[in-house]
Amino acid sequence: MLVLTRSANQSVMIGNDIVVTVLEVRGDQIRLGIQAPREVSIQREELFAAMQQANRSAASPTPESMRALGAYQPPRPPAD
């Protein structure tokens, strides 16, 4: 991890097209401004982790749904 010291109104470049600027320092909180291309997704870490967990939960079948799927009998096509 790179650790930098910045004051209010100072910035850090990430790559060629992302600028992170310290807007305000107030006690133990800071306000950041982030300029990035629209195609770059920017999320707070705790929201990103929550979305990943929700996606994993949604993609993981419950035991009940697996039993129901195992008991499913598709309809037979009509005989010719």
N, C-alpha and C. Protein backbone atom coordinates (compact mmCIF):
# COMPACT_ATOMS: atom_id res chain seq x y z
N MET A 1 0.85 -1.18 0.00
CA MET A 1 0.00 0.00 0.00
C MET A 1 0.89 1.24 0.00
N LEU A 2 0.56 2.14 -0.87
CA LEU A 2 1.26 3.41 -0.92
C LEU A 2 0.56 4.37 0.04
N VAL A 3 1.31 5.00 0.92
CA VAL A 3 0.75 5.95 1.87
C VAL A 3 1.31 7.33 1.54
N LEU A 4 0.41 8.29 1.30
CA LEU A 4 0.80 9.65 0.95
C LEU A 4 0.23 10.63 1.96
N THR A 5 0.90 11.73 2.14
CA THR A 5 0.39 12.82 2.95
C THR A 5 -0.03 13.94 2.01
N ARG A 6 -1.25 14.37 2.13
CA ARG A 6 -1.79 15.45 1.30
C ARG A 6 -2.53 16.41 2.21
N SER A 7 -2.55 17.66 1.85
CA SER A 7 -3.31 18.69 2.56
C SER A 7 -4.53 19.04 1.72
N ALA A 8 -5.42 19.85 2.30
CA ALA A 8 -6.60 20.29 1.56
C ALA A 8 -6.18 20.94 0.25
N ASN A 9 -6.94 20.67 -0.80
CA ASN A 9 -6.74 21.20 -2.15
C ASN A 9 -5.53 20.60 -2.87
N GLN A 10 -4.96 19.54 -2.33
CA GLN A 10 -3.88 18.84 -3.03
C GLN A 10 -4.45 17.55 -3.61
N SER A 11 -3.83 17.08 -4.69
CA SER A 11 -4.37 15.94 -5.43
C SER A 11 -3.34 14.84 -5.59
N VAL A 12 -3.85 13.68 -5.99
CA VAL A 12 -3.04 12.52 -6.33
C VAL A 12 -3.57 12.00 -7.66
N MET A 13 -2.68 11.66 -8.58
CA MET A 13 -3.06 11.09 -9.87
C MET A 13 -2.98 9.57 -9.79
N ILE A 14 -3.99 8.90 -10.32
CA ILE A 14 -3.98 7.44 -10.44
C ILE A 14 -4.06 7.16 -11.94
N GLY A 15 -3.00 6.60 -12.47
CA GLY A 15 -2.93 6.41 -13.91
C GLY A 15 -2.88 7.77 -14.59
N ASN A 16 -3.42 7.82 -15.82
CA ASN A 16 -3.40 9.07 -16.57
C ASN A 16 -4.69 9.86 -16.49
N ASP A 17 -5.75 9.25 -15.95
CA ASP A 17 -7.04 9.91 -16.05
C ASP A 17 -7.89 9.92 -14.79
N ILE A 18 -7.32 9.59 -13.64
CA ILE A 18 -8.05 9.64 -12.38
C ILE A 18 -7.32 10.59 -11.44
N VAL A 19 -8.06 11.58 -10.93
CA VAL A 19 -7.50 12.55 -9.99
C VAL A 19 -8.29 12.49 -8.70
N VAL A 20 -7.61 12.28 -7.60
CA VAL A 20 -8.23 12.29 -6.28
C VAL A 20 -7.73 13.53 -5.56
N THR A 21 -8.68 14.38 -5.15
CA THR A 21 -8.33 15.65 -4.50
C THR A 21 -8.88 15.68 -3.09
N VAL A 22 -8.04 16.10 -2.13
CA VAL A 22 -8.50 16.30 -0.76
C VAL A 22 -9.22 17.64 -0.74
N LEU A 23 -10.53 17.61 -0.48
CA LEU A 23 -11.31 18.84 -0.48
C LEU A 23 -11.33 19.51 0.87
N GLU A 24 -11.39 18.70 1.94
CA GLU A 24 -11.52 19.27 3.28
C GLU A 24 -11.01 18.27 4.30
N VAL A 25 -10.38 18.77 5.34
CA VAL A 25 -9.96 17.96 6.48
C VAL A 25 -10.64 18.53 7.70
N ARG A 26 -11.43 17.70 8.38
CA ARG A 26 -12.15 18.17 9.56
C ARG A 26 -12.05 17.10 10.64
N GLY A 27 -11.18 17.31 11.63
CA GLY A 27 -10.98 16.32 12.69
C GLY A 27 -10.41 15.04 12.10
N ASP A 28 -11.11 13.93 12.34
CA ASP A 28 -10.63 12.64 11.83
C ASP A 28 -11.32 12.24 10.53
N GLN A 29 -11.97 13.19 9.87
CA GLN A 29 -12.62 12.92 8.60
C GLN A 29 -12.04 13.81 7.50
N ILE A 30 -12.04 13.26 6.29
CA ILE A 30 -11.62 14.04 5.13
C ILE A 30 -12.71 13.93 4.07
N ARG A 31 -12.80 14.91 3.22
CA ARG A 31 -13.69 14.86 2.05
C ARG A 31 -12.81 14.77 0.83
N LEU A 32 -13.12 13.80 -0.01
CA LEU A 32 -12.35 13.58 -1.23
C LEU A 32 -13.21 13.89 -2.44
N GLY A 33 -12.59 14.44 -3.46
CA GLY A 33 -13.22 14.59 -4.76
C GLY A 33 -12.49 13.68 -5.72
N ILE A 34 -13.24 12.97 -6.55
CA ILE A 34 -12.64 12.02 -7.48
C ILE A 34 -13.11 12.35 -8.89
N GLN A 35 -12.16 12.62 -9.77
CA GLN A 35 -12.45 12.82 -11.19
C GLN A 35 -11.97 11.58 -11.93
N ALA A 36 -12.90 10.94 -12.63
CA ALA A 36 -12.56 9.72 -13.36
C ALA A 36 -13.48 9.61 -14.56
N PRO A 37 -13.05 8.87 -15.58
CA PRO A 37 -13.93 8.64 -16.73
C PRO A 37 -15.22 7.94 -16.29
N ARG A 38 -16.29 8.15 -17.02
CA ARG A 38 -17.59 7.57 -16.66
C ARG A 38 -17.56 6.06 -16.59
N GLU A 39 -16.71 5.42 -17.38
CA GLU A 39 -16.67 3.96 -17.39
C GLU A 39 -15.96 3.36 -16.18
N VAL A 40 -15.36 4.20 -15.35
CA VAL A 40 -14.69 3.72 -14.14
C VAL A 40 -15.71 3.73 -12.99
N SER A 41 -15.92 2.56 -12.41
CA SER A 41 -16.84 2.43 -11.29
C SER A 41 -16.14 2.86 -10.01
N ILE A 42 -16.79 3.72 -9.24
CA ILE A 42 -16.23 4.19 -7.97
C ILE A 42 -17.25 3.88 -6.88
N GLN A 43 -16.86 3.07 -5.91
CA GLN A 43 -17.74 2.67 -4.82
C GLN A 43 -17.00 2.81 -3.49
N ARG A 44 -17.76 3.11 -2.44
CA ARG A 44 -17.16 3.03 -1.11
C ARG A 44 -16.90 1.55 -0.83
N GLU A 45 -15.80 1.28 -0.13
CA GLU A 45 -15.38 -0.10 0.08
C GLU A 45 -16.46 -0.93 0.79
N GLU A 46 -17.11 -0.37 1.79
CA GLU A 46 -18.11 -1.15 2.53
C GLU A 46 -19.33 -1.45 1.67
N LEU A 47 -19.69 -0.56 0.75
CA LEU A 47 -20.80 -0.84 -0.16
C LEU A 47 -20.41 -1.87 -1.20
N PHE A 48 -19.19 -1.80 -1.68
CA PHE A 48 -18.68 -2.77 -2.63
C PHE A 48 -18.70 -4.17 -2.02
N ALA A 49 -18.23 -4.29 -0.77
CA ALA A 49 -18.23 -5.58 -0.09
C ALA A 49 -19.65 -6.09 0.12
N ALA A 50 -20.58 -5.20 0.47
CA ALA A 50 -21.97 -5.60 0.67
C ALA A 50 -22.58 -6.08 -0.65
N MET A 51 -22.28 -5.41 -1.76
CA MET A 51 -22.80 -5.84 -3.06
C MET A 51 -22.24 -7.20 -3.46
N GLN A 52 -20.96 -7.42 -3.20
CA GLN A 52 -20.37 -8.72 -3.51
C GLN A 52 -21.04 -9.82 -2.71
N GLN A 53 -21.29 -9.58 -1.43
CA GLN A 53 -21.94 -10.58 -0.59
C GLN A 53 -23.37 -10.84 -1.07
N ALA A 54 -24.09 -9.79 -1.43
CA ALA A 54 -25.45 -9.95 -1.93
C ALA A 54 -25.44 -10.75 -3.23
N ASN A 55 -24.49 -10.49 -4.11
CA ASN A 55 -24.39 -11.25 -5.36
C ASN A 55 -24.07 -12.71 -5.10
N ARG A 56 -23.17 -12.98 -4.15
CA ARG A 56 -22.85 -14.38 -3.82
C ARG A 56 -24.07 -15.08 -3.24
N SER A 57 -24.81 -14.39 -2.39
CA SER A 57 -26.02 -14.99 -1.80
C SER A 57 -27.06 -15.28 -2.86
N ALA A 58 -27.23 -14.35 -3.78
CA ALA A 58 -28.23 -14.52 -4.84
C ALA A 58 -27.85 -15.67 -5.78
N ALA A 59 -26.56 -15.88 -5.95
CA ALA A 59 -26.10 -16.93 -6.87
C ALA A 59 -25.97 -18.29 -6.20
N SER A 60 -26.17 -18.35 -4.88
CA SER A 60 -26.04 -19.60 -4.15
C SER A 60 -27.42 -20.16 -3.86
N PRO A 61 -27.75 -21.31 -4.41
CA PRO A 61 -29.08 -21.86 -4.16
C PRO A 61 -29.20 -22.36 -2.73
N THR A 62 -30.40 -22.28 -2.21
CA THR A 62 -30.67 -22.80 -0.87
C THR A 62 -30.85 -24.31 -0.96
N PRO A 63 -30.67 -25.03 0.13
CA PRO A 63 -30.93 -26.48 0.09
C PRO A 63 -32.36 -26.80 -0.35
N GLU A 64 -33.32 -25.97 0.07
CA GLU A 64 -34.71 -26.22 -0.32
C GLU A 64 -34.90 -26.10 -1.82
N SER A 65 -34.26 -25.08 -2.43
CA SER A 65 -34.42 -24.91 -3.88
C SER A 65 -33.73 -26.05 -4.63
N MET A 66 -32.64 -26.56 -4.11
CA MET A 66 -31.97 -27.68 -4.76
C MET A 66 -32.82 -28.94 -4.69
N ARG A 67 -33.48 -29.18 -3.54
CA ARG A 67 -34.37 -30.34 -3.42
C ARG A 67 -35.54 -30.21 -4.40
N ALA A 68 -36.10 -29.00 -4.48
CA ALA A 68 -37.22 -28.79 -5.40
C ALA A 68 -36.78 -29.00 -6.84
N LEU A 69 -35.59 -28.56 -7.17
CA LEU A 69 -35.08 -28.75 -8.53
C LEU A 69 -34.87 -30.23 -8.81
N GLY A 70 -34.36 -30.96 -7.84
CA GLY A 70 -34.14 -32.40 -8.01
C GLY A 70 -35.44 -33.15 -8.19
N ALA A 71 -36.51 -32.67 -7.60
CA ALA A 71 -37.81 -33.34 -7.70
C ALA A 71 -38.57 -32.92 -8.95
N TYR A 72 -38.10 -31.93 -9.67
CA TYR A 72 -38.80 -31.42 -10.84
C TYR A 72 -38.77 -32.44 -11.97
N GLN A 73 -39.92 -32.70 -12.56
CA GLN A 73 -40.04 -33.57 -13.71
C GLN A 73 -40.55 -32.74 -14.87
N PRO A 74 -39.74 -32.50 -15.88
CA PRO A 74 -40.22 -31.69 -17.01
C PRO A 74 -41.34 -32.42 -17.74
N PRO A 75 -42.25 -31.68 -18.35
CA PRO A 75 -43.35 -32.32 -19.09
C PRO A 75 -42.78 -33.08 -20.29
N ARG A 76 -43.41 -34.20 -20.58
CA ARG A 76 -42.97 -35.00 -21.73
C ARG A 76 -43.55 -34.42 -23.01
N PRO A 77 -42.78 -34.45 -24.09
CA PRO A 77 -43.32 -33.96 -25.36
C PRO A 77 -44.42 -34.93 -25.84
N PRO A 78 -45.37 -34.42 -26.60
CA PRO A 78 -46.45 -35.29 -27.10
C PRO A 78 -45.87 -36.38 -28.01
N ALA A 79 -46.47 -37.55 -27.93
CA ALA A 79 -46.03 -38.67 -28.78
C ALA A 79 -46.51 -38.44 -30.20
N ASP A 80 -45.70 -38.85 -31.15
CA ASP A 80 -46.07 -38.71 -32.57
C ASP A 80 -46.93 -39.83 -33.04
